[in-house]
Amino acid sequence: NNPLFDAYLTSTREQLGMKIVSDREAVRRTAKAMQEHRAIAFLADQGALNTASSWVPFFGRLAKTPKGPAVLAIRWNVPVVFGVAMRLPDGRYRVGIEEIPVEQTGDRDADVERVVARYSAALERWVRRDPTQYFWHHRRWKHQQPGTPPALGDPLTEPVR
């Protein structure tokens, strides 16, 4: 929601050779990129309204997490790789890469849920290594399933004790 910061991030990513795709173009452009055997990166650490999502554990609370990358991986039979860049004290970066297992058991919904949960668990492991490296610019638990107890919902809406 910050146009200046969004423009900065987009410009920086484009200077690195990335092509940024808006949400409304994602399905069409992702399918085309898959047909061209291109690598595709998703920033899938936040749930949004009107996005196909799963409820998976993240730091002990259920968090709405996009399932599009998992659906595409299963549909196209391609791997899912979690990647992170950790800033070192000297200003350089160390890249961490972790393959997320994608299994096709014949139960597509369960297979998708497993991939989403594994991705979220990988993100949590990396955040735990150094929480200062994770840019928390959104409320991860803002959206909750109906009936979620306050103690397991959004920490920012919990009553102060």
Foldseek 3Di string as FASTA:
>chain_A
DDVVVVVVVCVVVVVVVDDDDDPVCCVVVVVVCVVVVHDDDDPWQAADPPACFDFEDAPRATFTTHLVVLLVCVVSVHWDKDKDWDQDPVRHTDMDIDTQDQDCPPPSVVSSVSSRRSNNVVVNVVCVVPVVRDDPPDQRQPDDDPPDPLVRGGPVPRDDD
